[in-house]
C-alpha atoms as a PDB file:
ATOM      1  CA  MET A   1      -3.232   1.009 -67.292  1.00  0.00           C
ATOM      2  CA  THR A   2      -1.152   1.791 -70.376  1.00  0.00           C
ATOM      3  CA  ASP A   3      -2.378   4.712 -72.480  1.00  0.00           C
ATOM      4  CA  TRP A   4      -1.830   3.135 -75.900  1.00  0.00           C
ATOM      5  CA  GLU A   5      -3.120   6.146 -77.806  1.00  0.00           C
ATOM      6  CA  GLN A   6      -0.620   8.413 -76.070  1.00  0.00           C
ATOM      7  CA  ARG A   7       2.182   5.956 -76.803  1.00  0.00           C
ATOM      8  CA  TRP A   8       1.307   5.955 -80.505  1.00  0.00           C
ATOM      9  CA  ARG A   9       0.961   9.739 -80.641  1.00  0.00           C
ATOM     10  CA  ALA A  10       4.397  10.087 -79.069  1.00  0.00           C
ATOM     11  CA  SER A  11       5.850   7.405 -81.376  1.00  0.00           C
ATOM     12  CA  ASP A  12       6.905   5.578 -78.194  1.00  0.00           C
ATOM     13  CA  THR A  13       6.380   2.201 -79.849  1.00  0.00           C
ATOM     14  CA  PRO A  14       9.478  -0.005 -79.465  1.00  0.00           C
ATOM     15  CA  TRP A  15       7.357  -3.066 -80.247  1.00  0.00           C
ATOM     16  CA  ASP A  16       6.804  -1.788 -83.808  1.00  0.00           C
ATOM     17  CA  LYS A  17       9.707  -3.326 -85.726  1.00  0.00           C
ATOM     18  CA  GLY A  18       8.733  -1.918 -89.103  1.00  0.00           C
ATOM     19  CA  TYR A  19       7.870  -5.264 -90.692  1.00  0.00           C
ATOM     20  CA  GLY A  20       5.698  -8.316 -90.095  1.00  0.00           C
ATOM     21  CA  ALA A  21       6.510 -10.926 -87.487  1.00  0.00           C
ATOM     22  CA  PRO A  22       9.079 -13.436 -88.840  1.00  0.00           C
ATOM     23  CA  PRO A  23       7.195 -16.368 -87.256  1.00  0.00           C
ATOM     24  CA  LEU A  24       4.110 -15.362 -89.259  1.00  0.00           C
ATOM     25  CA  SER A  25       6.068 -15.357 -92.525  1.00  0.00           C
ATOM     26  CA  GLU A  26       7.509 -18.735 -91.592  1.00  0.00           C
ATOM     27  CA  TYR A  27       4.077 -20.191 -90.853  1.00  0.00           C
ATOM     28  CA  LEU A  28       2.555 -18.831 -94.061  1.00  0.00           C
ATOM     29  CA  GLU A  29       5.153 -20.821 -96.018  1.00  0.00           C
ATOM     30  CA  ASP A  30       3.878 -24.059 -94.463  1.00  0.00           C
ATOM     31  CA  PRO A  31       1.396 -25.804 -96.807  1.00  0.00           C
ATOM     32  CA  ALA A  32      -0.500 -26.950 -93.695  1.00  0.00           C
ATOM     33  CA  CYS A  33      -1.015 -23.354 -92.480  1.00  0.00           C
ATOM     34  CA  VAL A  34      -4.665 -23.057 -91.424  1.00  0.00           C
ATOM     35  CA  LEU A  35      -4.704 -19.341 -92.278  1.00  0.00           C
ATOM     36  CA  LEU A  36      -4.191 -19.940 -95.995  1.00  0.00           C
ATOM     37  CA  GLY A  37      -7.780 -20.986 -96.597  1.00  0.00           C
ATOM     38  CA  ALA A  38      -9.406 -18.472 -94.248  1.00  0.00           C
ATOM     39  CA  ARG A  39     -12.222 -16.267 -95.532  1.00  0.00           C
ATOM     40  CA  ARG A  40     -11.121 -13.431 -93.223  1.00  0.00           C
ATOM     41  CA  VAL A  41      -8.571 -13.258 -90.421  1.00  0.00           C
ATOM     42  CA  LEU A  42      -8.816 -10.926 -87.431  1.00  0.00           C
ATOM     43  CA  VAL A  43      -5.564  -9.426 -86.132  1.00  0.00           C
ATOM     44  CA  PRO A  44      -6.285  -7.963 -82.667  1.00  0.00           C
ATOM     45  CA  GLY A  45      -3.917  -5.273 -81.443  1.00  0.00           C
ATOM     46  CA  CYS A  46      -2.665  -4.802 -84.993  1.00  0.00           C
ATOM     47  CA  GLY A  47      -0.780  -1.541 -84.399  1.00  0.00           C
ATOM     48  CA  SER A  48       0.369  -0.062 -87.702  1.00  0.00           C
ATOM     49  CA  GLY A  49      -0.709  -3.189 -89.567  1.00  0.00           C
ATOM     50  CA  HIS A  50       2.500  -5.040 -90.495  1.00  0.00           C
ATOM     51  CA  ASP A  51       1.036  -8.493 -89.835  1.00  0.00           C
ATOM     52  CA  VAL A  52      -2.231  -7.558 -91.544  1.00  0.00           C
ATOM     53  CA  ARG A  53      -0.345  -6.654 -94.716  1.00  0.00           C
ATOM     54  CA  GLU A  54       1.756  -9.813 -94.491  1.00  0.00           C
ATOM     55  CA  LEU A  55      -1.440 -11.858 -94.545  1.00  0.00           C
ATOM     56  CA  ALA A  56      -2.827  -9.794 -97.425  1.00  0.00           C
ATOM     57  CA  ARG A  57       0.356 -10.362 -99.442  1.00  0.00           C
ATOM     58  CA  CYS A  58      -0.443 -14.061 -99.278  1.00  0.00           C
ATOM     59  CA  GLY A  59      -3.946 -13.435-100.602  1.00  0.00           C
ATOM     60  CA  ILE A  60      -5.597 -13.780 -97.177  1.00  0.00           C
ATOM     61  CA  PRO A  61      -8.287 -11.181 -96.399  1.00  0.00           C
ATOM     62  CA  ALA A  62      -7.486  -9.675 -92.996  1.00  0.00           C
ATOM     63  CA  THR A  63      -8.880  -7.061 -90.621  1.00  0.00           C
ATOM     64  CA  GLY A  64      -6.667  -5.234 -88.167  1.00  0.00           C
ATOM     65  CA  LEU A  65      -8.214  -4.088 -84.881  1.00  0.00           C
ATOM     66  CA  ASP A  66      -6.610  -1.641 -82.474  1.00  0.00           C
ATOM     67  CA  LEU A  67      -7.714   0.467 -79.538  1.00  0.00           C
ATOM     68  CA  SER A  68      -5.575   3.395 -80.707  1.00  0.00           C
ATOM     69  CA  PRO A  69      -7.023   5.632 -83.445  1.00  0.00           C
ATOM     70  CA  THR A  70      -3.507   6.861 -84.227  1.00  0.00           C
ATOM     71  CA  ALA A  71      -2.266   3.321 -84.803  1.00  0.00           C
ATOM     72  CA  ILE A  72      -5.147   2.677 -87.189  1.00  0.00           C
ATOM     73  CA  GLU A  73      -4.495   5.965 -88.984  1.00  0.00           C
ATOM     74  CA  ARG A  74      -0.902   4.884 -89.551  1.00  0.00           C
ATOM     75  CA  ALA A  75      -2.009   1.477 -90.777  1.00  0.00           C
ATOM     76  CA  ARG A  76      -4.412   3.036 -93.265  1.00  0.00           C
ATOM     77  CA  ALA A  77      -1.755   5.487 -94.470  1.00  0.00           C
ATOM     78  CA  VAL A  78       0.320   2.634 -95.900  1.00  0.00           C
ATOM     79  CA  ALA A  79      -0.461   1.638 -99.480  1.00  0.00           C
ATOM     80  CA  ARG A  80      -2.961  -1.209 -99.514  1.00  0.00           C
ATOM     81  CA  VAL A  81      -1.807  -4.646-100.536  1.00  0.00           C
ATOM     82  CA  GLY A  82      -5.371  -5.742-101.267  1.00  0.00           C
ATOM     83  CA  GLY A  83      -7.905  -7.555 -99.112  1.00  0.00           C
ATOM     84  CA  GLU A  84      -7.009  -5.835 -95.840  1.00  0.00           C
ATOM     85  CA  ASP A  85      -8.920  -3.301 -93.772  1.00  0.00           C
ATOM     86  CA  TYR A  86      -8.683  -1.728 -90.326  1.00  0.00           C
ATOM     87  CA  VAL A  87     -11.032  -0.775 -87.523  1.00  0.00           C
ATOM     88  CA  THR A  88     -10.648   1.132 -84.263  1.00  0.00           C
ATOM     89  CA  GLY A  89     -12.296  -0.612 -81.352  1.00  0.00           C
ATOM     90  CA  ASP A  90     -12.106  -2.300 -77.975  1.00  0.00           C
ATOM     91  CA  LEU A  91     -11.566  -6.033 -78.371  1.00  0.00           C
ATOM     92  CA  PHE A  92     -13.893  -6.727 -75.447  1.00  0.00           C
ATOM     93  CA  ALA A  93     -16.798  -4.701 -76.841  1.00  0.00           C
ATOM     94  CA  ARG A  94     -19.242  -5.851 -79.503  1.00  0.00           C
ATOM     95  CA  GLY A  95     -19.785  -2.644 -81.459  1.00  0.00           C
ATOM     96  CA  TRP A  96     -16.862  -3.023 -83.865  1.00  0.00           C
ATOM     97  CA  ARG A  97     -17.969  -6.587 -84.726  1.00  0.00           C
ATOM     98  CA  VAL A  98     -21.268  -5.551 -86.332  1.00  0.00           C
ATOM     99  CA  GLY A  99     -21.266  -6.696 -89.949  1.00  0.00           C
ATOM    100  CA  ARG A 100     -17.927  -8.489 -89.603  1.00  0.00           C
ATOM    101  CA  ASP A 101     -17.383 -12.244 -89.564  1.00  0.00           C
ATOM    102  CA  PHE A 102     -14.121 -14.103 -89.056  1.00  0.00           C
ATOM    103  CA  ASP A 103     -13.140 -17.734 -89.327  1.00  0.00           C
ATOM    104  CA  ALA A 104      -9.565 -17.279 -88.091  1.00  0.00           C
ATOM    105  CA  ILE A 105      -7.545 -15.083 -85.731  1.00  0.00           C
ATOM    106  CA  TRP A 106      -3.832 -14.279 -85.743  1.00  0.00           C
ATOM    107  CA  GLU A 107      -2.748 -13.405 -82.204  1.00  0.00           C
ATOM    108  CA  HIS A 108       0.550 -11.593 -81.850  1.00  0.00           C
ATOM    109  CA  THR A 109       1.429  -9.124 -79.041  1.00  0.00           C
ATOM    110  CA  CYS A 110      -2.180  -8.486 -77.969  1.00  0.00           C
ATOM    111  CA  PHE A 111      -2.355 -11.207 -75.300  1.00  0.00           C
ATOM    112  CA  CYS A 112       0.954 -10.178 -73.719  1.00  0.00           C
ATOM    113  CA  ALA A 113      -0.048  -6.489 -73.701  1.00  0.00           C
ATOM    114  CA  ILE A 114      -3.329  -6.731 -71.803  1.00  0.00           C
ATOM    115  CA  ASP A 115      -3.427  -6.899 -68.016  1.00  0.00           C
ATOM    116  CA  PRO A 116      -3.126 -10.560 -66.938  1.00  0.00           C
ATOM    117  CA  SER A 117      -6.398 -10.214 -65.024  1.00  0.00           C
ATOM    118  CA  LEU A 118      -8.148  -9.908 -68.414  1.00  0.00           C
ATOM    119  CA  ARG A 119      -6.729 -13.081 -69.920  1.00  0.00           C
ATOM    120  CA  SER A 120      -9.745 -15.260 -69.173  1.00  0.00           C
ATOM    121  CA  SER A 121     -11.953 -12.572 -70.750  1.00  0.00           C
ATOM    122  CA  TYR A 122      -9.631 -12.542 -73.751  1.00  0.00           C
ATOM    123  CA  ALA A 123     -10.036 -16.306 -74.279  1.00  0.00           C
ATOM    124  CA  ALA A 124     -13.820 -15.983 -73.990  1.00  0.00           C
ATOM    125  CA  ALA A 125     -13.851 -13.095 -76.482  1.00  0.00           C
ATOM    126  CA  MET A 126     -11.862 -15.149 -79.002  1.00  0.00           C
ATOM    127  CA  ALA A 127     -14.367 -17.980 -78.619  1.00  0.00           C
ATOM    128  CA  GLU A 128     -17.289 -15.605 -79.125  1.00  0.00           C
ATOM    129  CA  ILE A 129     -15.768 -14.111 -82.275  1.00  0.00           C
ATOM    130  CA  LEU A 130     -14.988 -17.444 -83.961  1.00  0.00           C
ATOM    131  CA  PRO A 131     -17.506 -19.995 -85.251  1.00  0.00           C
ATOM    132  CA  PRO A 132     -17.156 -23.708 -84.433  1.00  0.00           C
ATOM    133  CA  GLY A 133     -14.182 -25.037 -86.352  1.00  0.00           C
ATOM    134  CA  GLY A 134     -12.587 -21.586 -86.599  1.00  0.00           C
ATOM    135  CA  HIS A 135      -8.874 -21.330 -85.917  1.00  0.00           C
ATOM    136  CA  LEU A 136      -6.872 -19.171 -83.545  1.00  0.00           C
ATOM    137  CA  VAL A 137      -3.156 -19.116 -84.314  1.00  0.00           C
ATOM    138  CA  GLY A 138      -1.271 -17.563 -81.440  1.00  0.00           C
ATOM    139  CA  LEU A 139       2.307 -16.382 -81.210  1.00  0.00           C
ATOM    140  CA  PHE A 140       2.766 -16.022 -77.472  1.00  0.00           C
ATOM    141  CA  PHE A 141       5.730 -14.122 -76.015  1.00  0.00           C
ATOM    142  CA  LEU A 142       6.607 -16.399 -73.095  1.00  0.00           C
ATOM    143  CA  THR A 143       9.636 -14.643 -71.600  1.00  0.00           C
ATOM    144  CA  PRO A 144       9.636 -10.953 -72.544  1.00  0.00           C
ATOM    145  CA  TRP A 145      12.174  -9.950 -69.907  1.00  0.00           C
ATOM    146  CA  ASP A 146      15.876 -10.749 -69.955  1.00  0.00           C
ATOM    147  CA  GLU A 147      17.485 -12.375 -66.942  1.00  0.00           C
ATOM    148  CA  GLY A 148      18.045  -9.783 -64.225  1.00  0.00           C
ATOM    149  CA  GLU A 149      15.412  -7.383 -65.542  1.00  0.00           C
ATOM    150  CA  GLU A 150      12.483  -6.381 -63.383  1.00  0.00           C
ATOM    151  CA  ALA A 151       9.484  -8.510 -64.345  1.00  0.00           C
ATOM    152  CA  LYS A 152       6.928  -5.863 -65.141  1.00  0.00           C
ATOM    153  CA  GLY A 153       4.777  -5.107 -68.126  1.00  0.00           C
ATOM    154  CA  PRO A 154       3.505  -4.751 -70.647  1.00  0.00           C
ATOM    155  CA  PRO A 155       4.541  -7.015 -72.165  1.00  0.00           C
ATOM    156  CA  PHE A 156       3.583  -9.501 -69.473  1.00  0.00           C
ATOM    157  CA  GLU A 157       5.129 -12.936 -69.394  1.00  0.00           C
ATOM    158  CA  SER A 158       3.060 -16.103 -69.642  1.00  0.00           C
ATOM    159  CA  ARG A 159       3.479 -19.843 -69.410  1.00  0.00           C
ATOM    160  CA  ARG A 160       2.357 -22.543 -71.822  1.00  0.00           C
ATOM    161  CA  GLU A 161       0.389 -24.274 -69.082  1.00  0.00           C
ATOM    162  CA  GLU A 162      -1.497 -21.073 -68.288  1.00  0.00           C
ATOM    163  CA  ILE A 163      -2.321 -20.419 -71.938  1.00  0.00           C
ATOM    164  CA  GLU A 164      -3.550 -23.970 -72.516  1.00  0.00           C
ATOM    165  CA  ALA A 165      -5.724 -23.837 -69.390  1.00  0.00           C
ATOM    166  CA  LEU A 166      -7.289 -20.525 -70.457  1.00  0.00           C
ATOM    167  CA  PHE A 167      -8.187 -21.705 -73.950  1.00  0.00           C
ATOM    168  CA  ALA A 168      -9.051 -25.353 -73.208  1.00  0.00           C
ATOM    169  CA  PRO A 169     -12.711 -24.682 -72.301  1.00  0.00           C
ATOM    170  CA  PHE A 170     -13.343 -23.279 -75.788  1.00  0.00           C
ATOM    171  CA  PHE A 171     -10.576 -24.627 -78.042  1.00  0.00           C
ATOM    172  CA  GLU A 172      -8.652 -27.784 -78.799  1.00  0.00           C
ATOM    173  CA  ARG A 173      -4.958 -27.544 -79.532  1.00  0.00           C
ATOM    174  CA  LEU A 174      -3.958 -28.862 -82.961  1.00  0.00           C
ATOM    175  CA  SER A 175      -0.233 -28.116 -83.054  1.00  0.00           C
ATOM    176  CA  GLU A 176       2.551 -26.208 -81.365  1.00  0.00           C
ATOM    177  CA  ARG A 177       6.182 -25.276 -81.933  1.00  0.00           C
ATOM    178  CA  VAL A 178       8.899 -22.763 -81.170  1.00  0.00           C
ATOM    179  CA  PRO A 179       9.376 -20.821 -84.437  1.00  0.00           C
ATOM    180  CA  SER A 180      12.739 -20.936 -86.176  1.00  0.00           C
ATOM    181  CA  ARG A 181      12.490 -17.260 -87.138  1.00  0.00           C
ATOM    182  CA  ALA A 182      12.068 -14.333 -84.759  1.00  0.00           C
ATOM    183  CA  TYR A 183      12.719 -10.656 -84.305  1.00  0.00           C
ATOM    184  CA  PRO A 184      16.254 -10.128 -82.973  1.00  0.00           C
ATOM    185  CA  GLY A 185      16.307 -10.885 -79.253  1.00  0.00           C
ATOM    186  CA  ARG A 186      13.173 -13.047 -79.313  1.00  0.00           C
ATOM    187  CA  GLU A 187      14.810 -16.222 -80.590  1.00  0.00           C
ATOM    188  CA  GLY A 188      13.473 -19.239 -78.692  1.00  0.00           C
ATOM    189  CA  ARG A 189      11.231 -17.088 -76.514  1.00  0.00           C
ATOM    190  CA  GLU A 190       7.988 -17.382 -78.472  1.00  0.00           C
ATOM    191  CA  TRP A 191       5.512 -20.232 -78.771  1.00  0.00           C
ATOM    192  CA  ARG A 192       3.267 -20.699 -81.788  1.00  0.00           C
ATOM    193  CA  VAL A 193       0.148 -22.726 -81.152  1.00  0.00           C
ATOM    194  CA  VAL A 194      -2.835 -23.527 -83.368  1.00  0.00           C
ATOM    195  CA  PHE A 195      -6.210 -23.826 -81.631  1.00  0.00           C
ATOM    196  CA  ARG A 196      -9.534 -24.876 -83.169  1.00  0.00           C
ATOM    197  CA  ARG A 197     -12.859 -23.658 -81.801  1.00  0.00           C
ATOM    198  CA  ARG A 198     -14.823 -26.501 -80.270  1.00  0.00           C
ATOM    199  CA  SER A 199     -18.388 -27.200 -81.350  1.00  0.00           C
ATOM    200  CA  PRO A 200     -21.145 -25.919 -79.043  1.00  0.00           C
ATOM    201  CA  GLY A 201     -23.518 -28.299 -77.315  1.00  0.00           C
ATOM    202  CA  ASN A 202     -20.785 -30.544 -75.969  1.00  0.00           C
ATOM    203  CA  PRO A 203     -21.201 -30.693 -72.158  1.00  0.00           C
ATOM    204  CA  GLU A 204     -17.428 -30.475 -71.814  1.00  0.00           C
ATOM    205  CA  VAL A 205     -17.257 -27.245 -73.784  1.00  0.00           C
ATOM    206  CA  ALA A 206     -17.782 -23.912 -72.056  1.00  0.00           C
ATOM    207  CA  GLU A 207     -19.658 -21.213 -73.902  1.00  0.00           C
ATOM    208  CA  PRO A 208     -18.506 -17.596 -73.655  1.00  0.00           C
ATOM    209  CA  SER A 209     -20.749 -15.477 -71.474  1.00  0.00           C
ATOM    210  CA  GLY A 210     -20.390 -12.498 -73.825  1.00  0.00           C
ATOM    211  CA  ALA A 211     -18.525  -9.239 -73.801  1.00  0.00           C
ATOM    212  CA  ALA A 212     -19.666  -5.889 -72.528  1.00  0.00           C
END
């Protein structure tokens, strides 16, 4: 298992590009962006908070969550844009959620960083965090390894079909696309999808069993 705190302490963080994800900026310019009207957006695995601040710059209240205290310290050390905050916690635990409500989630680099065996738990946790009608906007890194590289992780690769199957019991897909903008080297390798939390009580809808 990756020791994320040690990686942050050692500044061994090649995934931290120093600015928000270009596909997020692109999506926030779309008048149909479901994040624009959100009361508060959760950014799991926020690292040093670049995406959190990008949301805040657009007037969207956002909370960054990360397992690493050092990552959160670095996020808090940056001058606040306004409307953002940060919390240290385990995504799969409930403690950090007390007193916090979200109606949208921006997923970027968290899903691809966790062990693939936890992906079904991840989908269930997202469903537990969001109310019916809440939105999950995911930027999924489908092919993180170049041709000829050893397929190891993190980041771990994923397939669209796998992602859809994991989220289908709790969410309906509203839209999808390959973003036009990307960090250098990620062009055409990411998939942005917008999911909406299904209403409970429908016999076809699974309900999350809860996190530890």
